[in-house]
């Protein structure tokens, strides 16, 4: 009877070790699955965030254009003409900047440089 009790305790001990080993193995598998699902969720979250940001920017641009159109429609003829002139001036300035950027760098001539030639 003592032998049976010792054998039973040994079996219980071995079963406990086996159960612990199986729990560790299952926890490892579950951890891998959770990590994979977490990575997928993070990637989906990034995509969703990017989509929301794009939609927000489009909505903001649309609202800005609507406000601009509303303000322009409220201008009288004189104000619209002044706006056209100012836009033409800005276009000319932009052309000048583009043209200056396309030209190779040339040293600037200062009037004081002409009075004192370098030796």
PDB file of N, CA and C in Angstrom:
ATOM      1  N   UNK A   1       0.808  -1.169   0.000  1.00  0.00           N
ATOM      2  CA  UNK A   1       0.000   0.000   0.000  1.00  0.00           C
ATOM      3  C   UNK A   1       0.873   1.262   0.000  1.00  0.00           C
ATOM      4  N   UNK A   2       1.934   1.262   0.735  1.00  0.00           N
ATOM      5  CA  UNK A   2       2.853   2.367   0.733  1.00  0.00           C
ATOM      6  C   UNK A   2       3.516   2.517  -0.632  1.00  0.00           C
ATOM      7  N   UNK A   3       3.760   1.378  -1.246  1.00  0.00           N
ATOM      8  CA  UNK A   3       4.341   1.434  -2.586  1.00  0.00           C
ATOM      9  C   UNK A   3       3.360   2.064  -3.560  1.00  0.00           C
ATOM     10  N   UNK A   4       2.085   1.711  -3.422  1.00  0.00           N
ATOM     11  CA  UNK A   4       1.068   2.293  -4.308  1.00  0.00           C
ATOM     12  C   UNK A   4       0.938   3.803  -4.082  1.00  0.00           C
ATOM     13  N   UNK A   5       1.031   4.197  -2.833  1.00  0.00           N
ATOM     14  CA  UNK A   5       0.939   5.614  -2.516  1.00  0.00           C
ATOM     15  C   UNK A   5       2.147   6.357  -3.093  1.00  0.00           C
ATOM     16  N   UNK A   6       3.347   5.798  -2.981  1.00  0.00           N
ATOM     17  CA  UNK A   6       4.551   6.409  -3.542  1.00  0.00           C
ATOM     18  C   UNK A   6       4.464   6.505  -5.048  1.00  0.00           C
ATOM     19  N   UNK A   7       3.944   5.420  -5.649  1.00  0.00           N
ATOM     20  CA  UNK A   7       3.791   5.415  -7.109  1.00  0.00           C
ATOM     21  C   UNK A   7       2.769   6.459  -7.538  1.00  0.00           C
ATOM     22  N   UNK A   8       1.698   6.606  -6.796  1.00  0.00           N
ATOM     23  CA  UNK A   8       0.655   7.588  -7.105  1.00  0.00           C
ATOM     24  C   UNK A   8       1.213   9.001  -6.963  1.00  0.00           C
ATOM     25  N   UNK A   9       2.000   9.232  -5.888  1.00  0.00           N
ATOM     26  CA  UNK A   9       2.591  10.560  -5.703  1.00  0.00           C
ATOM     27  C   UNK A   9       3.585  10.880  -6.813  1.00  0.00           C
ATOM     28  N   UNK A  10       4.356   9.857  -7.235  1.00  0.00           N
ATOM     29  CA  UNK A  10       5.295  10.043  -8.336  1.00  0.00           C
ATOM     30  C   UNK A  10       4.537  10.395  -9.614  1.00  0.00           C
ATOM     31  N   UNK A  11       3.450   9.666  -9.872  1.00  0.00           N
ATOM     32  CA  UNK A  11       2.631   9.943 -11.068  1.00  0.00           C
ATOM     33  C   UNK A  11       2.017  11.343 -11.003  1.00  0.00           C
ATOM     34  N   UNK A  12       1.573  11.732  -9.823  1.00  0.00           N
ATOM     35  CA  UNK A  12       0.996  13.077  -9.667  1.00  0.00           C
ATOM     36  C   UNK A  12       2.078  14.127  -9.928  1.00  0.00           C
ATOM     37  N   UNK A  13       3.275  13.904  -9.411  1.00  0.00           N
ATOM     38  CA  UNK A  13       4.388  14.829  -9.627  1.00  0.00           C
ATOM     39  C   UNK A  13       4.744  14.928 -11.099  1.00  0.00           C
ATOM     40  N   UNK A  14       4.829  13.774 -11.768  1.00  0.00           N
ATOM     41  CA  UNK A  14       5.144  13.779 -13.203  1.00  0.00           C
ATOM     42  C   UNK A  14       4.042  14.453 -14.018  1.00  0.00           C
ATOM     43  N   UNK A  15       2.796  14.204 -13.630  1.00  0.00           N
ATOM     44  CA  UNK A  15       1.667  14.826 -14.318  1.00  0.00           C
ATOM     45  C   UNK A  15       1.710  16.339 -14.134  1.00  0.00           C
ATOM     46  N   UNK A  16       2.100  16.778 -12.928  1.00  0.00           N
ATOM     47  CA  UNK A  16       2.202  18.222 -12.663  1.00  0.00           C
ATOM     48  C   UNK A  16       3.282  18.856 -13.529  1.00  0.00           C
ATOM     49  N   UNK A  17       4.433  18.192 -13.633  1.00  0.00           N
ATOM     50  CA  UNK A  17       5.515  18.696 -14.476  1.00  0.00           C
ATOM     51  C   UNK A  17       5.063  18.729 -15.936  1.00  0.00           C
ATOM     52  N   UNK A  18       4.391  17.656 -16.376  1.00  0.00           N
ATOM     53  CA  UNK A  18       3.883  17.603 -17.748  1.00  0.00           C
ATOM     54  C   UNK A  18       2.876  18.711 -18.011  1.00  0.00           C
ATOM     55  N   UNK A  19       1.992  18.926 -17.026  1.00  0.00           N
ATOM     56  CA  UNK A  19       0.986  19.982 -17.157  1.00  0.00           C
ATOM     57  C   UNK A  19       1.665  21.354 -17.242  1.00  0.00           C
ATOM     58  N   UNK A  20       2.669  21.587 -16.425  1.00  0.00           N
ATOM     59  CA  UNK A  20       3.385  22.865 -16.462  1.00  0.00           C
ATOM     60  C   UNK A  20       4.078  23.043 -17.810  1.00  0.00           C
ATOM     61  N   UNK A  21       4.710  21.977 -18.318  1.00  0.00           N
ATOM     62  CA  UNK A  21       5.387  22.055 -19.610  1.00  0.00           C
ATOM     63  C   UNK A  21       4.386  22.347 -20.727  1.00  0.00           C
ATOM     64  N   UNK A  22       3.239  21.688 -20.654  1.00  0.00           N
ATOM     65  CA  UNK A  22       2.208  21.904 -21.667  1.00  0.00           C
ATOM     66  C   UNK A  22       1.663  23.332 -21.580  1.00  0.00           C
ATOM     67  N   UNK A  23       1.512  23.846 -20.363  1.00  0.00           N
ATOM     68  CA  UNK A  23       1.019  25.215 -20.191  1.00  0.00           C
ATOM     69  C   UNK A  23       2.005  26.215 -20.775  1.00  0.00           C
ATOM     70  N   UNK A  24       3.314  25.981 -20.539  1.00  0.00           N
ATOM     71  CA  UNK A  24       4.334  26.872 -21.092  1.00  0.00           C
ATOM     72  C   UNK A  24       4.302  26.824 -22.614  1.00  0.00           C
ATOM     73  N   UNK A  25       4.175  25.640 -23.176  1.00  0.00           N
ATOM     74  CA  UNK A  25       4.124  25.486 -24.635  1.00  0.00           C
ATOM     75  C   UNK A  25       2.911  26.193 -25.212  1.00  0.00           C
ATOM     76  N   UNK A  26       1.764  26.001 -24.587  1.00  0.00           N
ATOM     77  CA  UNK A  26       0.535  26.644 -25.066  1.00  0.00           C
ATOM     78  C   UNK A  26       0.609  28.162 -24.905  1.00  0.00           C
ATOM     79  N   UNK A  27       1.207  28.617 -23.811  1.00  0.00           N
ATOM     80  CA  UNK A  27       1.360  30.056 -23.607  1.00  0.00           C
ATOM     81  C   UNK A  27       2.262  30.644 -24.693  1.00  0.00           C
ATOM     82  N   UNK A  28       3.314  29.905 -25.058  1.00  0.00           N
ATOM     83  CA  UNK A  28       4.197  30.366 -26.129  1.00  0.00           C
ATOM     84  C   UNK A  28       3.458  30.472 -27.448  1.00  0.00           C
ATOM     85  N   UNK A  29       2.643  29.448 -27.743  1.00  0.00           N
ATOM     86  CA  UNK A  29       1.860  29.489 -28.990  1.00  0.00           C
ATOM     87  C   UNK A  29       0.857  30.638 -28.946  1.00  0.00           C
ATOM     88  N   UNK A  30       0.202  30.794 -27.811  1.00  0.00           N
ATOM     89  CA  UNK A  30      -0.788  31.871 -27.678  1.00  0.00           C
ATOM     90  C   UNK A  30      -0.098  33.226 -27.799  1.00  0.00           C
ATOM     91  N   UNK A  31       1.096  33.338 -27.220  1.00  0.00           N
ATOM     92  CA  UNK A  31       1.837  34.590 -27.321  1.00  0.00           C
ATOM     93  C   UNK A  31       2.179  34.924 -28.757  1.00  0.00           C
ATOM     94  N   UNK A  32       2.599  33.939 -29.520  1.00  0.00           N
ATOM     95  CA  UNK A  32       2.926  34.165 -30.933  1.00  0.00           C
ATOM     96  C   UNK A  32       1.694  34.637 -31.689  1.00  0.00           C
ATOM     97  N   UNK A  33       0.559  33.980 -31.432  1.00  0.00           N
ATOM     98  CA  UNK A  33      -0.688  34.364 -32.105  1.00  0.00           C
ATOM     99  C   UNK A  33      -1.068  35.790 -31.722  1.00  0.00           C
ATOM    100  N   UNK A  34      -0.950  36.117 -30.435  1.00  0.00           N
ATOM    101  CA  UNK A  34      -1.289  37.471 -29.994  1.00  0.00           C
ATOM    102  C   UNK A  34      -0.364  38.517 -30.603  1.00  0.00           C
ATOM    103  N   UNK A  35       0.908  38.196 -30.706  1.00  0.00           N
ATOM    104  CA  UNK A  35       1.868  39.126 -31.321  1.00  0.00           C
ATOM    105  C   UNK A  35       1.513  39.353 -32.786  1.00  0.00           C
ATOM    106  N   UNK A  36       1.202  38.277 -33.500  1.00  0.00           N
ATOM    107  CA  UNK A  36       0.834  38.409 -34.916  1.00  0.00           C
ATOM    108  C   UNK A  36      -0.427  39.241 -35.068  1.00  0.00           C
ATOM    109  N   UNK A  37      -1.431  38.957 -34.236  1.00  0.00           N
ATOM    110  CA  UNK A  37      -2.688  39.716 -34.312  1.00  0.00           C
ATOM    111  C   UNK A  37      -2.458  41.178 -33.928  1.00  0.00           C
ATOM    112  N   UNK A  38      -1.588  41.393 -32.953  1.00  0.00           N
ATOM    113  CA  UNK A  38      -1.269  42.761 -32.556  1.00  0.00           C
ATOM    114  C   UNK A  38      -0.583  43.524 -33.677  1.00  0.00           C
ATOM    115  N   UNK A  39       0.334  42.860 -34.370  1.00  0.00           N
ATOM    116  CA  UNK A  39       1.025  43.508 -35.492  1.00  0.00           C
ATOM    117  C   UNK A  39       0.034  43.856 -36.595  1.00  0.00           C
ATOM    118  N   UNK A  40      -0.884  42.957 -36.867  1.00  0.00           N
ATOM    119  CA  UNK A  40      -1.903  43.211 -37.887  1.00  0.00           C
ATOM    120  C   UNK A  40      -2.780  44.387 -37.455  1.00  0.00           C
ATOM    121  N   UNK A  41      -3.150  44.406 -36.173  1.00  0.00           N
ATOM    122  CA  UNK A  41      -3.999  45.495 -35.678  1.00  0.00           C
ATOM    123  C   UNK A  41      -3.274  46.838 -35.760  1.00  0.00           C
ATOM    124  N   UNK A  42      -1.992  46.860 -35.457  1.00  0.00           N
ATOM    125  CA  UNK A  42      -1.223  48.103 -35.540  1.00  0.00           C
ATOM    126  C   UNK A  42      -1.172  48.591 -36.988  1.00  0.00           C
ATOM    127  N   UNK A  43      -0.921  47.686 -37.920  1.00  0.00           N
ATOM    128  CA  UNK A  43      -0.856  48.062 -39.334  1.00  0.00           C
ATOM    129  C   UNK A  43      -2.204  48.586 -39.813  1.00  0.00           C
ATOM    130  N   UNK A  44      -3.281  47.915 -39.421  1.00  0.00           N
ATOM    131  CA  UNK A  44      -4.614  48.395 -39.800  1.00  0.00           C
ATOM    132  C   UNK A  44      -4.897  49.756 -39.183  1.00  0.00           C
ATOM    133  N   UNK A  45      -4.441  49.950 -37.951  1.00  0.00           N
ATOM    134  CA  UNK A  45      -4.614  51.243 -37.289  1.00  0.00           C
ATOM    135  C   UNK A  45      -3.873  52.345 -38.026  1.00  0.00           C
ATOM    136  N   UNK A  46      -2.679  52.047 -38.491  1.00  0.00           N
ATOM    137  CA  UNK A  46      -1.913  53.037 -39.263  1.00  0.00           C
ATOM    138  C   UNK A  46      -2.644  53.406 -40.553  1.00  0.00           C
ATOM    139  N   UNK A  47      -3.131  52.384 -41.241  1.00  0.00           N
ATOM    140  CA  UNK A  47      -3.855  52.645 -42.491  1.00  0.00           C
ATOM    141  C   UNK A  47      -5.094  53.481 -42.221  1.00  0.00           C
ATOM    142  N   UNK A  48      -5.831  53.120 -41.176  1.00  0.00           N
ATOM    143  CA  UNK A  48      -7.049  53.852 -40.829  1.00  0.00           C
ATOM    144  C   UNK A  48      -6.712  55.297 -40.463  1.00  0.00           C
ATOM    145  N   UNK A  49      -5.638  55.487 -39.695  1.00  0.00           N
ATOM    146  CA  UNK A  49      -5.208  56.837 -39.325  1.00  0.00           C
ATOM    147  C   UNK A  49      -4.831  57.661 -40.544  1.00  0.00           C
ATOM    148  N   UNK A  50      -4.132  57.045 -41.491  1.00  0.00           N
ATOM    149  CA  UNK A  50      -3.741  57.750 -42.712  1.00  0.00           C
ATOM    150  C   UNK A  50      -4.978  58.122 -43.530  1.00  0.00           C
ATOM    151  N   UNK A  51      -5.944  57.208 -43.598  1.00  0.00           N
ATOM    152  CA  UNK A  51      -7.186  57.499 -44.332  1.00  0.00           C
ATOM    153  C   UNK A  51      -7.945  58.648 -43.674  1.00  0.00           C
ATOM    154  N   UNK A  52      -8.014  58.640 -42.342  1.00  0.00           N
ATOM    155  CA  UNK A  52      -8.699  59.725 -41.638  1.00  0.00           C
ATOM    156  C   UNK A  52      -7.996  61.058 -41.859  1.00  0.00           C
ATOM    157  N   UNK A  53      -6.674  61.036 -41.819  1.00  0.00           N
ATOM    158  CA  UNK A  53      -5.921  62.263 -42.030  1.00  0.00           C
ATOM    159  C   UNK A  53      -6.160  62.801 -43.439  1.00  0.00           C
ATOM    160  N   UNK A  54      -6.145  61.930 -44.431  1.00  0.00           N
ATOM    161  CA  UNK A  54      -6.401  62.350 -45.814  1.00  0.00           C
ATOM    162  C   UNK A  54      -7.800  62.941 -45.950  1.00  0.00           C
ATOM    163  N   UNK A  55      -8.772  62.276 -45.343  1.00  0.00           N
ATOM    164  CA  UNK A  55     -10.152  62.771 -45.410  1.00  0.00           C
ATOM    165  C   UNK A  55     -10.267  64.129 -44.719  1.00  0.00           C
ATOM    166  N   UNK A  56      -9.606  64.282 -43.570  1.00  0.00           N
ATOM    167  CA  UNK A  56      -9.639  65.551 -42.851  1.00  0.00           C
ATOM    168  C   UNK A  56      -9.034  66.659 -43.707  1.00  0.00           C
ATOM    169  N   UNK A  57      -7.905  66.381 -44.356  1.00  0.00           N
ATOM    170  CA  UNK A  57      -7.257  67.389 -45.196  1.00  0.00           C
ATOM    171  C   UNK A  57      -8.146  67.775 -46.377  1.00  0.00           C
ATOM    172  N   UNK A  58      -8.798  66.786 -46.981  1.00  0.00           N
ATOM    173  CA  UNK A  58      -9.686  67.081 -48.102  1.00  0.00           C
ATOM    174  C   UNK A  58     -10.869  67.936 -47.643  1.00  0.00           C
ATOM    175  N   UNK A  59     -11.440  67.588 -46.491  1.00  0.00           N
ATOM    176  CA  UNK A  59     -12.557  68.369 -45.960  1.00  0.00           C
ATOM    177  C   UNK A  59     -12.125  69.794 -45.635  1.00  0.00           C
ATOM    178  N   UNK A  60     -10.950  69.939 -45.044  1.00  0.00           N
ATOM    179  CA  UNK A  60     -10.444  71.274 -44.702  1.00  0.00           C
ATOM    180  C   UNK A  60     -10.229  72.098 -45.972  1.00  0.00           C
ATOM    181  N   UNK A  61      -9.674  71.477 -47.006  1.00  0.00           N
ATOM    182  CA  UNK A  61      -9.451  72.181 -48.269  1.00  0.00           C
ATOM    183  C   UNK A  61     -10.778  72.597 -48.899  1.00  0.00           C
ATOM    184  N   UNK A  62     -11.751  71.687 -48.862  1.00  0.00           N
ATOM    185  CA  UNK A  62     -13.064  71.999 -49.427  1.00  0.00           C
ATOM    186  C   UNK A  62     -13.710  73.166 -48.690  1.00  0.00           C
ATOM    187  N   UNK A  63     -13.642  73.167 -47.350  1.00  0.00           N
ATOM    188  CA  UNK A  63     -14.227  74.259 -46.562  1.00  0.00           C
ATOM    189  C   UNK A  63     -13.514  75.581 -46.849  1.00  0.00           C
ATOM    190  N   UNK A  64     -12.187  75.530 -47.006  1.00  0.00           N
ATOM    191  CA  UNK A  64     -11.423  76.735 -47.307  1.00  0.00           C
ATOM    192  C   UNK A  64     -11.838  77.291 -48.667  1.00  0.00           C
ATOM    193  N   UNK A  65     -11.995  76.415 -49.650  1.00  0.00           N
ATOM    194  CA  UNK A  65     -12.411  76.869 -50.986  1.00  0.00           C
ATOM    195  C   UNK A  65     -13.821  77.448 -50.951  1.00  0.00           C
ATOM    196  N   UNK A  66     -14.708  76.855 -50.157  1.00  0.00           N
ATOM    197  CA  UNK A  66     -16.068  77.376 -50.035  1.00  0.00           C
ATOM    198  C   UNK A  66     -16.060  78.773 -49.414  1.00  0.00           C
ATOM    199  N   UNK A  67     -15.247  78.962 -48.364  1.00  0.00           N
ATOM    200  CA  UNK A  67     -15.154  80.291 -47.731  1.00  0.00           C
ATOM    201  C   UNK A  67     -14.585  81.313 -48.710  1.00  0.00           C
ATOM    202  N   UNK A  68     -13.571  80.912 -49.469  1.00  0.00           N
ATOM    203  CA  UNK A  68     -12.977  81.817 -50.449  1.00  0.00           C
ATOM    204  C   UNK A  68     -14.011  82.204 -51.501  1.00  0.00           C
ATOM    205  N   UNK A  69     -14.720  81.206 -52.043  1.00  0.00           N
ATOM    206  CA  UNK A  69     -15.741  81.489 -53.055  1.00  0.00           C
ATOM    207  C   UNK A  69     -16.806  82.425 -52.503  1.00  0.00           C
ATOM    208  N   UNK A  70     -17.196  82.214 -51.258  1.00  0.00           N
ATOM    209  CA  UNK A  70     -18.214  83.065 -50.639  1.00  0.00           C
ATOM    210  C   UNK A  70     -17.694  84.493 -50.497  1.00  0.00           C
ATOM    211  N   UNK A  71     -16.446  84.643 -50.068  1.00  0.00           N
ATOM    212  CA  UNK A  71     -15.886  85.985 -49.896  1.00  0.00           C
ATOM    213  C   UNK A  71     -15.754  86.693 -51.238  1.00  0.00           C
ATOM    214  N   UNK A  72     -15.307  85.976 -52.268  1.00  0.00           N
ATOM    215  CA  UNK A  72     -15.157  86.598 -53.590  1.00  0.00           C
ATOM    216  C   UNK A  72     -16.521  86.996 -54.146  1.00  0.00           C
ATOM    217  N   UNK A  73     -17.529  86.172 -53.919  1.00  0.00           N
ATOM    218  CA  UNK A  73     -18.853  86.498 -54.455  1.00  0.00           C
ATOM    219  C   UNK A  73     -19.450  87.728 -53.777  1.00  0.00           C
ATOM    220  N   UNK A  74     -18.960  88.074 -52.597  1.00  0.00           N
ATOM    221  CA  UNK A  74     -19.475  89.241 -51.890  1.00  0.00           C
ATOM    222  C   UNK A  74     -18.748  90.530 -52.273  1.00  0.00           C
ATOM    223  N   UNK A  75     -17.694  90.419 -53.099  1.00  0.00           N
ATOM    224  CA  UNK A  75     -16.951  91.607 -53.511  1.00  0.00           C
ATOM    225  C   UNK A  75     -17.735  92.390 -54.559  1.00  0.00           C
ATOM    226  N   UNK A  76     -17.594  93.714 -54.524  1.00  0.00           N
ATOM    227  CA  UNK A  76     -18.214  94.511 -55.593  1.00  0.00           C
ATOM    228  C   UNK A  76     -17.240  94.581 -56.771  1.00  0.00           C
ATOM    229  N   UNK A  77     -17.652  95.216 -57.853  1.00  0.00           N
ATOM    230  CA  UNK A  77     -16.858  95.230 -59.085  1.00  0.00           C
ATOM    231  C   UNK A  77     -15.477  95.856 -58.860  1.00  0.00           C
ATOM    232  N   UNK A  78     -15.395  96.918 -58.116  1.00  0.00           N
ATOM    233  CA  UNK A  78     -14.123  97.577 -57.862  1.00  0.00           C
ATOM    234  C   UNK A  78     -13.178  96.694 -57.053  1.00  0.00           C
ATOM    235  N   UNK A  79     -13.723  96.021 -56.068  1.00  0.00           N
ATOM    236  CA  UNK A  79     -12.904  95.132 -55.244  1.00  0.00           C
ATOM    237  C   UNK A  79     -12.400  93.939 -56.058  1.00  0.00           C
ATOM    238  N   UNK A  80     -13.268  93.420 -56.946  1.00  0.00           N
ATOM    239  CA  UNK A  80     -12.842  92.299 -57.792  1.00  0.00           C
ATOM    240  C   UNK A  80     -11.724  92.732 -58.740  1.00  0.00           C
ATOM    241  N   UNK A  81     -11.822  93.945 -59.278  1.00  0.00           N
ATOM    242  CA  UNK A  81     -10.776  94.454 -60.172  1.00  0.00           C
ATOM    243  C   UNK A  81      -9.465  94.629 -59.405  1.00  0.00           C
ATOM    244  N   UNK A  82      -9.529  95.139 -58.193  1.00  0.00           N
ATOM    245  CA  UNK A  82      -8.320  95.299 -57.372  1.00  0.00           C
ATOM    246  C   UNK A  82      -7.702  93.928 -57.084  1.00  0.00           C
ATOM    247  N   UNK A  83      -8.549  92.939 -56.840  1.00  0.00           N
ATOM    248  CA  UNK A  83      -8.069  91.578 -56.598  1.00  0.00           C
ATOM    249  C   UNK A  83      -7.384  91.029 -57.849  1.00  0.00           C
ATOM    250  N   UNK A  84      -7.967  91.262 -59.025  1.00  0.00           N
ATOM    251  CA  UNK A  84      -7.358  90.807 -60.282  1.00  0.00           C
ATOM    252  C   UNK A  84      -5.976  91.434 -60.480  1.00  0.00           C
ATOM    253  N   UNK A  85      -5.878  92.748 -60.209  1.00  0.00           N
ATOM    254  CA  UNK A  85      -4.586  93.430 -60.360  1.00  0.00           C
ATOM    255  C   UNK A  85      -3.555  92.842 -59.398  1.00  0.00           C
ATOM    256  N   UNK A  86      -3.952  92.623 -58.172  1.00  0.00           N
ATOM    257  CA  UNK A  86      -3.018  92.073 -57.171  1.00  0.00           C
ATOM    258  C   UNK A  86      -2.578  90.663 -57.571  1.00  0.00           C
ATOM    259  N   UNK A  87      -3.503  89.857 -58.077  1.00  0.00           N
ATOM    260  CA  UNK A  87      -3.152  88.505 -58.521  1.00  0.00           C
ATOM    261  C   UNK A  87      -2.185  88.560 -59.703  1.00  0.00           C
ATOM    262  N   UNK A  88      -2.386  89.508 -60.603  1.00  0.00           N
ATOM    263  CA  UNK A  88      -1.473  89.668 -61.742  1.00  0.00           C
ATOM    264  C   UNK A  88      -0.082  90.060 -61.246  1.00  0.00           C
ATOM    265  N   UNK A  89      -0.015  90.946 -60.247  1.00  0.00           N
ATOM    266  CA  UNK A  89       1.281  91.325 -59.673  1.00  0.00           C
ATOM    267  C   UNK A  89       1.973  90.107 -59.051  1.00  0.00           C
ATOM    268  N   UNK A  90       1.219  89.317 -58.336  1.00  0.00           N
ATOM    269  CA  UNK A  90       1.789  88.122 -57.712  1.00  0.00           C
ATOM    270  C   UNK A  90       2.275  87.125 -58.760  1.00  0.00           C
ATOM    271  N   UNK A  91       1.520  86.985 -59.848  1.00  0.00           N
ATOM    272  CA  UNK A  91       1.947  86.096 -60.937  1.00  0.00           C
ATOM    273  C   UNK A  91       3.270  86.583 -61.524  1.00  0.00           C
ATOM    274  N   UNK A  92       3.395  87.896 -61.698  1.00  0.00           N
ATOM    275  CA  UNK A  92       4.625  88.456 -62.255  1.00  0.00           C
ATOM    276  C   UNK A  92       5.801  88.224 -61.302  1.00  0.00           C
ATOM    277  N   UNK A  93       5.573  88.422 -60.021  1.00  0.00           N
ATOM    278  CA  UNK A  93       6.627  88.159 -59.037  1.00  0.00           C
ATOM    279  C   UNK A  93       7.046  86.689 -59.058  1.00  0.00           C
ATOM    280  N   UNK A  94       6.075  85.824 -59.197  1.00  0.00           N
ATOM    281  CA  UNK A  94       6.388  84.389 -59.249  1.00  0.00           C
ATOM    282  C   UNK A  94       7.222  84.063 -60.483  1.00  0.00           C
ATOM    283  N   UNK A  95       6.866  84.639 -61.628  1.00  0.00           N
ATOM    284  CA  UNK A  95       7.648  84.421 -62.840  1.00  0.00           C
ATOM    285  C   UNK A  95       9.076  84.916 -62.654  1.00  0.00           C
ATOM    286  N   UNK A  96       9.233  86.072 -62.011  1.00  0.00           N
ATOM    287  CA  UNK A  96      10.572  86.611 -61.762  1.00  0.00           C
ATOM    288  C   UNK A  96      11.387  85.666 -60.881  1.00  0.00           C
ATOM    289  N   UNK A  97      10.765  85.119 -59.874  1.00  0.00           N
ATOM    290  CA  UNK A  97      11.462  84.202 -58.970  1.00  0.00           C
ATOM    291  C   UNK A  97      11.876  82.944 -59.712  1.00  0.00           C
ATOM    292  N   UNK A  98      10.993  82.396 -60.533  1.00  0.00           N
ATOM    293  CA  UNK A  98      11.315  81.194 -61.298  1.00  0.00           C
ATOM    294  C   UNK A  98      12.447  81.485 -62.267  1.00  0.00           C
ATOM    295  N   UNK A  99      12.379  82.621 -62.926  1.00  0.00           N
ATOM    296  CA  UNK A  99      13.418  82.989 -63.882  1.00  0.00           C
ATOM    297  C   UNK A  99      14.754  83.180 -63.170  1.00  0.00           C
ATOM    298  N   UNK A 100      14.748  83.800 -62.025  1.00  0.00           N
ATOM    299  CA  UNK A 100      15.984  84.005 -61.271  1.00  0.00           C
ATOM    300  C   UNK A 100      16.549  82.669 -60.791  1.00  0.00           C
ATOM    301  N   UNK A 101      15.696  81.743 -60.440  1.00  0.00           N
ATOM    302  CA  UNK A 101      16.145  80.432 -59.972  1.00  0.00           C
ATOM    303  C   UNK A 101      16.742  79.624 -61.114  1.00  0.00           C
ATOM    304  N   UNK A 102      16.291  79.845 -62.323  1.00  0.00           N
ATOM    305  CA  UNK A 102      16.781  79.091 -63.480  1.00  0.00           C
ATOM    306  C   UNK A 102      18.114  79.621 -63.983  1.00  0.00           C
ATOM    307  N   UNK A 103      18.451  80.869 -63.686  1.00  0.00           N
ATOM    308  CA  UNK A 103      19.704  81.454 -64.155  1.00  0.00           C
ATOM    309  C   UNK A 103      20.844  80.978 -63.259  1.00  0.00           C
ATOM    310  N   UNK A 104      22.015  80.727 -63.877  1.00  0.00           N
ATOM    311  CA  UNK A 104      23.162  80.312 -63.058  1.00  0.00           C
ATOM    312  C   UNK A 104      23.556  81.429 -62.108  1.00  0.00           C
ATOM    313  N   UNK A 105      24.137  81.030 -60.991  1.00  0.00           N
ATOM    314  CA  UNK A 105      24.557  82.016 -59.994  1.00  0.00           C
ATOM    315  C   UNK A 105      25.624  82.932 -60.592  1.00  0.00           C
ATOM    316  N   UNK A 106      25.386  84.205 -60.470  1.00  0.00           N
ATOM    317  CA  UNK A 106      26.347  85.191 -60.937  1.00  0.00           C
ATOM    318  C   UNK A 106      26.720  86.053 -59.743  1.00  0.00           C
ATOM    319  N   UNK A 107      28.004  86.357 -59.619  1.00  0.00           N
ATOM    320  CA  UNK A 107      28.382  87.199 -58.475  1.00  0.00           C
ATOM    321  C   UNK A 107      27.730  88.561 -58.613  1.00  0.00           C
ATOM    322  N   UNK A 108      27.263  89.034 -57.484  1.00  0.00           N
ATOM    323  CA  UNK A 108      26.607  90.334 -57.491  1.00  0.00           C
ATOM    324  C   UNK A 108      27.660  91.429 -57.596  1.00  0.00           C
ATOM    325  N   UNK A 109      27.367  92.459 -58.387  1.00  0.00           N
ATOM    326  CA  UNK A 109      28.261  93.605 -58.534  1.00  0.00           C
ATOM    327  C   UNK A 109      27.777  94.690 -57.580  1.00  0.00           C
ATOM    328  N   UNK A 110      28.667  95.144 -56.756  1.00  0.00           N
ATOM    329  CA  UNK A 110      28.356  96.241 -55.854  1.00  0.00           C
ATOM    330  C   UNK A 110      29.056  97.481 -56.376  1.00  0.00           C
ATOM    331  N   UNK A 111      28.400  98.609 -56.371  1.00  0.00           N
ATOM    332  CA  UNK A 111      29.020  99.846 -56.906  1.00  0.00           C
ATOM    333  C   UNK A 111      30.339 100.176 -56.224  1.00  0.00           C
ATOM    334  N   UNK A 112      30.471  99.898 -54.948  1.00  0.00           N
ATOM    335  CA  UNK A 112      31.701 100.227 -54.252  1.00  0.00           C
ATOM    336  C   UNK A 112      32.871  99.357 -54.739  1.00  0.00           C
ATOM    337  N   UNK A 113      32.582  98.175 -55.346  1.00  0.00           N
ATOM    338  CA  UNK A 113      33.628  97.311 -55.865  1.00  0.00           C
ATOM    339  C   UNK A 113      34.313  97.941 -57.073  1.00  0.00           C
ATOM    340  N   UNK A 114      33.597  98.753 -57.841  1.00  0.00           N
ATOM    341  CA  UNK A 114      34.170  99.371 -59.032  1.00  0.00           C
ATOM    342  C   UNK A 114      35.201 100.431 -58.676  1.00  0.00           C
ATOM    343  N   UNK A 115      35.084 101.080 -57.542  1.00  0.00           N
ATOM    344  CA  UNK A 115      36.006 102.141 -57.134  1.00  0.00           C
ATOM    345  C   UNK A 115      37.327 101.582 -56.659  1.00  0.00           C
ATOM    346  N   UNK A 116      37.328 100.334 -56.174  1.00  0.00           N
ATOM    347  CA  UNK A 116      38.553  99.751 -55.622  1.00  0.00           C
ATOM    348  C   UNK A 116      38.786  98.387 -56.254  1.00  0.00           C
ATOM    349  N   UNK A 117      39.444  98.342 -57.398  1.00  0.00           N
ATOM    350  CA  UNK A 117      39.699  97.049 -58.029  1.00  0.00           C
ATOM    351  C   UNK A 117      40.631  96.214 -57.168  1.00  0.00           C
ATOM    352  N   UNK A 118      40.401  94.913 -57.230  1.00  0.00           N
ATOM    353  CA  UNK A 118      41.224  93.988 -56.437  1.00  0.00           C
ATOM    354  C   UNK A 118      42.613  93.896 -57.041  1.00  0.00           C
ATOM    355  N   UNK A 119      43.603  93.688 -56.197  1.00  0.00           N
ATOM    356  CA  UNK A 119      44.994  93.599 -56.654  1.00  0.00           C
ATOM    357  C   UNK A 119      45.368  92.200 -56.972  1.00  0.00           C
TER     358      UNK A 119
END
